Amino acid sequence: MGRIAWEEGVDWGMAARGWNDLEPLVRRRFPEVGHVYNALIEAGAPLVRLSGSGATWFACFDDSTESAELERALPAGCRVFRARTMNRASLQRLRVVQ
Protein backbone atom coordinates (compact mmCIF):
# COMPACT_ATOMS: atom_id res chain seq x y z
CA MET A 1 0.00 0.00 0.00
CA GLY A 2 1.31 3.46 -0.87
CA ARG A 3 1.97 6.26 1.56
CA ILE A 4 -1.20 7.98 2.76
CA ALA A 5 -0.92 11.60 3.89
CA TRP A 6 -3.55 12.07 6.56
CA GLU A 7 -4.20 15.09 8.70
CA GLU A 8 -2.17 14.74 11.87
CA GLY A 9 -4.11 12.94 14.56
CA VAL A 10 -6.57 11.18 12.23
CA ASP A 11 -6.38 7.43 12.73
CA TRP A 12 -7.24 5.88 9.38
CA GLY A 13 -5.43 2.68 10.21
CA MET A 14 -8.79 1.04 10.92
CA ALA A 15 -10.04 1.88 7.42
CA ALA A 16 -6.86 0.52 5.89
CA ARG A 17 -7.33 -2.76 7.77
CA GLY A 18 -11.09 -2.87 7.41
CA TRP A 19 -13.29 -4.35 4.72
CA ASN A 20 -16.87 -4.49 3.53
CA ASP A 21 -18.28 -8.02 3.48
CA LEU A 22 -20.56 -7.07 0.58
CA GLU A 23 -17.76 -5.80 -1.65
CA PRO A 24 -16.80 -9.15 -3.28
CA LEU A 25 -20.46 -10.02 -3.90
CA VAL A 26 -21.27 -6.59 -5.39
CA ARG A 27 -18.18 -6.71 -7.63
CA ARG A 28 -19.13 -10.17 -8.94
CA ARG A 29 -22.79 -9.37 -9.47
CA PHE A 30 -22.22 -5.92 -11.01
CA PRO A 31 -19.04 -5.95 -13.13
CA GLU A 32 -19.33 -2.20 -13.82
CA VAL A 33 -18.75 -1.61 -10.09
CA GLY A 34 -15.55 -3.61 -10.39
CA HIS A 35 -14.48 -1.43 -13.33
CA VAL A 36 -14.72 1.65 -11.12
CA TYR A 37 -12.69 -0.08 -8.38
CA ASN A 38 -10.00 -0.98 -10.92
CA ALA A 39 -9.91 2.59 -12.26
CA LEU A 40 -9.42 3.95 -8.72
CA ILE A 41 -6.55 1.57 -8.05
CA GLU A 42 -4.95 2.30 -11.43
CA ALA A 43 -5.27 6.03 -10.75
CA GLY A 44 -3.02 5.56 -7.71
CA ALA A 45 -5.43 5.37 -4.78
CA PRO A 46 -3.63 3.49 -2.01
CA LEU A 47 -6.95 2.83 -0.25
CA VAL A 48 -10.29 2.04 -1.95
CA ARG A 49 -13.38 0.85 -0.07
CA LEU A 50 -17.01 0.25 -0.96
CA SER A 51 -19.47 2.19 1.16
CA GLY A 52 -22.48 0.24 2.38
CA SER A 53 -24.12 -1.99 -0.21
CA GLY A 54 -22.49 -0.39 -3.20
CA ALA A 55 -23.79 3.12 -3.70
CA THR A 56 -20.36 4.72 -3.31
CA TRP A 57 -16.67 3.96 -3.54
CA PHE A 58 -14.33 6.05 -1.47
CA ALA A 59 -10.67 6.36 -2.30
CA CYS A 60 -7.86 8.17 -0.54
CA PHE A 61 -5.14 10.07 -2.34
CA ASP A 62 -1.99 11.79 -1.17
CA ASP A 63 -2.99 15.12 -2.71
CA SER A 64 -5.59 16.87 -4.84
CA THR A 65 -3.47 16.58 -8.00
CA GLU A 66 -3.90 12.83 -7.98
CA SER A 67 -7.63 13.10 -7.36
CA ALA A 68 -7.98 15.57 -10.26
CA GLU A 69 -6.44 13.01 -12.61
CA LEU A 70 -8.94 10.50 -11.32
CA GLU A 71 -11.91 12.09 -13.08
CA ARG A 72 -10.32 11.40 -16.46
CA ALA A 73 -9.61 7.78 -15.51
CA LEU A 74 -13.10 6.82 -14.31
CA PRO A 75 -15.74 5.26 -16.53
CA ALA A 76 -18.34 7.61 -18.04
CA GLY A 77 -21.12 8.57 -15.68
CA CYS A 78 -19.01 8.53 -12.52
CA ARG A 79 -18.88 11.62 -10.33
CA VAL A 80 -16.04 12.65 -8.03
CA PHE A 81 -16.57 14.44 -4.73
CA ARG A 82 -13.44 15.64 -2.98
CA ALA A 83 -13.15 15.81 0.78
CA ARG A 84 -10.35 16.43 3.23
CA THR A 85 -9.85 14.52 6.44
CA MET A 86 -9.99 16.48 9.67
CA ASN A 87 -9.06 15.61 13.19
CA ARG A 88 -10.89 16.69 16.33
CA ALA A 89 -8.61 19.68 16.92
CA SER A 90 -9.31 21.00 13.41
CA LEU A 91 -13.03 20.66 13.97
CA GLN A 92 -12.84 22.45 17.29
CA ARG A 93 -11.04 25.39 15.65
CA LEU A 94 -13.97 25.70 13.24
CA ARG A 95 -16.53 25.58 16.03
CA VAL A 96 -18.47 28.79 16.61
CA VAL A 97 -18.35 29.90 20.23
CA GLN A 98 -21.37 31.81 21.45
C-alpha atoms as a PDB file:
ATOM      1  CA  MET A   1       0.000   0.000   0.000  1.00  0.00           C
ATOM      2  CA  GLY A   2       1.309   3.459  -0.871  1.00  0.00           C
ATOM      3  CA  ARG A   3       1.969   6.260   1.564  1.00  0.00           C
ATOM      4  CA  ILE A   4      -1.196   7.978   2.756  1.00  0.00           C
ATOM      5  CA  ALA A   5      -0.920  11.595   3.887  1.00  0.00           C
ATOM      6  CA  TRP A   6      -3.549  12.071   6.565  1.00  0.00           C
ATOM      7  CA  GLU A   7      -4.202  15.094   8.699  1.00  0.00           C
ATOM      8  CA  GLU A   8      -2.171  14.742  11.868  1.00  0.00           C
ATOM      9  CA  GLY A   9      -4.112  12.938  14.559  1.00  0.00           C
ATOM     10  CA  VAL A  10      -6.574  11.184  12.234  1.00  0.00           C
ATOM     11  CA  ASP A  11      -6.379   7.426  12.731  1.00  0.00           C
ATOM     12  CA  TRP A  12      -7.245   5.881   9.382  1.00  0.00           C
ATOM     13  CA  GLY A  13      -5.433   2.676  10.214  1.00  0.00           C
ATOM     14  CA  MET A  14      -8.793   1.043  10.917  1.00  0.00           C
ATOM     15  CA  ALA A  15     -10.043   1.884   7.422  1.00  0.00           C
ATOM     16  CA  ALA A  16      -6.856   0.519   5.886  1.00  0.00           C
ATOM     17  CA  ARG A  17      -7.326  -2.762   7.765  1.00  0.00           C
ATOM     18  CA  GLY A  18     -11.094  -2.873   7.406  1.00  0.00           C
ATOM     19  CA  TRP A  19     -13.285  -4.352   4.719  1.00  0.00           C
ATOM     20  CA  ASN A  20     -16.870  -4.485   3.533  1.00  0.00           C
ATOM     21  CA  ASP A  21     -18.278  -8.023   3.484  1.00  0.00           C
ATOM     22  CA  LEU A  22     -20.565  -7.072   0.578  1.00  0.00           C
ATOM     23  CA  GLU A  23     -17.764  -5.799  -1.654  1.00  0.00           C
ATOM     24  CA  PRO A  24     -16.803  -9.152  -3.285  1.00  0.00           C
ATOM     25  CA  LEU A  25     -20.458 -10.017  -3.904  1.00  0.00           C
ATOM     26  CA  VAL A  26     -21.266  -6.594  -5.392  1.00  0.00           C
ATOM     27  CA  ARG A  27     -18.181  -6.711  -7.631  1.00  0.00           C
ATOM     28  CA  ARG A  28     -19.131 -10.175  -8.939  1.00  0.00           C
ATOM     29  CA  ARG A  29     -22.794  -9.372  -9.470  1.00  0.00           C
ATOM     30  CA  PHE A  30     -22.225  -5.917 -11.011  1.00  0.00           C
ATOM     31  CA  PRO A  31     -19.043  -5.948 -13.130  1.00  0.00           C
ATOM     32  CA  GLU A  32     -19.330  -2.199 -13.820  1.00  0.00           C
ATOM     33  CA  VAL A  33     -18.750  -1.614 -10.094  1.00  0.00           C
ATOM     34  CA  GLY A  34     -15.549  -3.612 -10.390  1.00  0.00           C
ATOM     35  CA  HIS A  35     -14.477  -1.432 -13.329  1.00  0.00           C
ATOM     36  CA  VAL A  36     -14.720   1.650 -11.115  1.00  0.00           C
ATOM     37  CA  TYR A  37     -12.695  -0.077  -8.379  1.00  0.00           C
ATOM     38  CA  ASN A  38     -10.001  -0.980 -10.918  1.00  0.00           C
ATOM     39  CA  ALA A  39      -9.912   2.586 -12.258  1.00  0.00           C
ATOM     40  CA  LEU A  40      -9.423   3.951  -8.719  1.00  0.00           C
ATOM     41  CA  ILE A  41      -6.551   1.565  -8.052  1.00  0.00           C
ATOM     42  CA  GLU A  42      -4.948   2.296 -11.430  1.00  0.00           C
ATOM     43  CA  ALA A  43      -5.265   6.030 -10.752  1.00  0.00           C
ATOM     44  CA  GLY A  44      -3.025   5.563  -7.714  1.00  0.00           C
ATOM     45  CA  ALA A  45      -5.431   5.366  -4.782  1.00  0.00           C
ATOM     46  CA  PRO A  46      -3.631   3.493  -2.008  1.00  0.00           C
ATOM     47  CA  LEU A  47      -6.955   2.833  -0.252  1.00  0.00           C
ATOM     48  CA  VAL A  48     -10.293   2.043  -1.949  1.00  0.00           C
ATOM     49  CA  ARG A  49     -13.376   0.853  -0.072  1.00  0.00           C
ATOM     50  CA  LEU A  50     -17.008   0.246  -0.959  1.00  0.00           C
ATOM     51  CA  SER A  51     -19.466   2.188   1.159  1.00  0.00           C
ATOM     52  CA  GLY A  52     -22.482   0.244   2.379  1.00  0.00           C
ATOM     53  CA  SER A  53     -24.122  -1.987  -0.208  1.00  0.00           C
ATOM     54  CA  GLY A  54     -22.489  -0.385  -3.202  1.00  0.00           C
ATOM     55  CA  ALA A  55     -23.790   3.117  -3.696  1.00  0.00           C
ATOM     56  CA  THR A  56     -20.363   4.722  -3.314  1.00  0.00           C
ATOM     57  CA  TRP A  57     -16.673   3.956  -3.540  1.00  0.00           C
ATOM     58  CA  PHE A  58     -14.333   6.053  -1.466  1.00  0.00           C
ATOM     59  CA  ALA A  59     -10.675   6.357  -2.297  1.00  0.00           C
ATOM     60  CA  CYS A  60      -7.864   8.166  -0.540  1.00  0.00           C
ATOM     61  CA  PHE A  61      -5.142  10.067  -2.340  1.00  0.00           C
ATOM     62  CA  ASP A  62      -1.987  11.794  -1.174  1.00  0.00           C
ATOM     63  CA  ASP A  63      -2.991  15.119  -2.710  1.00  0.00           C
ATOM     64  CA  SER A  64      -5.589  16.869  -4.837  1.00  0.00           C
ATOM     65  CA  THR A  65      -3.466  16.579  -7.996  1.00  0.00           C
ATOM     66  CA  GLU A  66      -3.902  12.830  -7.977  1.00  0.00           C
ATOM     67  CA  SER A  67      -7.628  13.100  -7.361  1.00  0.00           C
ATOM     68  CA  ALA A  68      -7.976  15.570 -10.259  1.00  0.00           C
ATOM     69  CA  GLU A  69      -6.441  13.009 -12.611  1.00  0.00           C
ATOM     70  CA  LEU A  70      -8.941  10.495 -11.324  1.00  0.00           C
ATOM     71  CA  GLU A  71     -11.906  12.093 -13.080  1.00  0.00           C
ATOM     72  CA  ARG A  72     -10.322  11.399 -16.456  1.00  0.00           C
ATOM     73  CA  ALA A  73      -9.612   7.776 -15.514  1.00  0.00           C
ATOM     74  CA  LEU A  74     -13.095   6.815 -14.308  1.00  0.00           C
ATOM     75  CA  PRO A  75     -15.739   5.255 -16.533  1.00  0.00           C
ATOM     76  CA  ALA A  76     -18.336   7.607 -18.044  1.00  0.00           C
ATOM     77  CA  GLY A  77     -21.124   8.571 -15.680  1.00  0.00           C
ATOM     78  CA  CYS A  78     -19.014   8.532 -12.515  1.00  0.00           C
ATOM     79  CA  ARG A  79     -18.883  11.615 -10.333  1.00  0.00           C
ATOM     80  CA  VAL A  80     -16.043  12.646  -8.032  1.00  0.00           C
ATOM     81  CA  PHE A  81     -16.568  14.441  -4.735  1.00  0.00           C
ATOM     82  CA  ARG A  82     -13.438  15.639  -2.977  1.00  0.00           C
ATOM     83  CA  ALA A  83     -13.155  15.806   0.780  1.00  0.00           C
ATOM     84  CA  ARG A  84     -10.354  16.432   3.226  1.00  0.00           C
ATOM     85  CA  THR A  85      -9.850  14.520   6.444  1.00  0.00           C
ATOM     86  CA  MET A  86      -9.990  16.478   9.670  1.00  0.00           C
ATOM     87  CA  ASN A  87      -9.057  15.607  13.188  1.00  0.00           C
ATOM     88  CA  ARG A  88     -10.892  16.691  16.332  1.00  0.00           C
ATOM     89  CA  ALA A  89      -8.608  19.684  16.923  1.00  0.00           C
ATOM     90  CA  SER A  90      -9.305  21.003  13.414  1.00  0.00           C
ATOM     91  CA  LEU A  91     -13.035  20.657  13.973  1.00  0.00           C
ATOM     92  CA  GLN A  92     -12.836  22.453  17.294  1.00  0.00           C
ATOM     93  CA  ARG A  93     -11.036  25.386  15.649  1.00  0.00           C
ATOM     94  CA  LEU A  94     -13.970  25.700  13.243  1.00  0.00           C
ATOM     95  CA  ARG A  95     -16.532  25.581  16.029  1.00  0.00           C
ATOM     96  CA  VAL A  96     -18.467  28.787  16.611  1.00  0.00           C
ATOM     97  CA  VAL A  97     -18.346  29.896  20.233  1.00  0.00           C
ATOM     98  CA  GLN A  98     -21.373  31.807  21.447  1.00  0.00           C
END
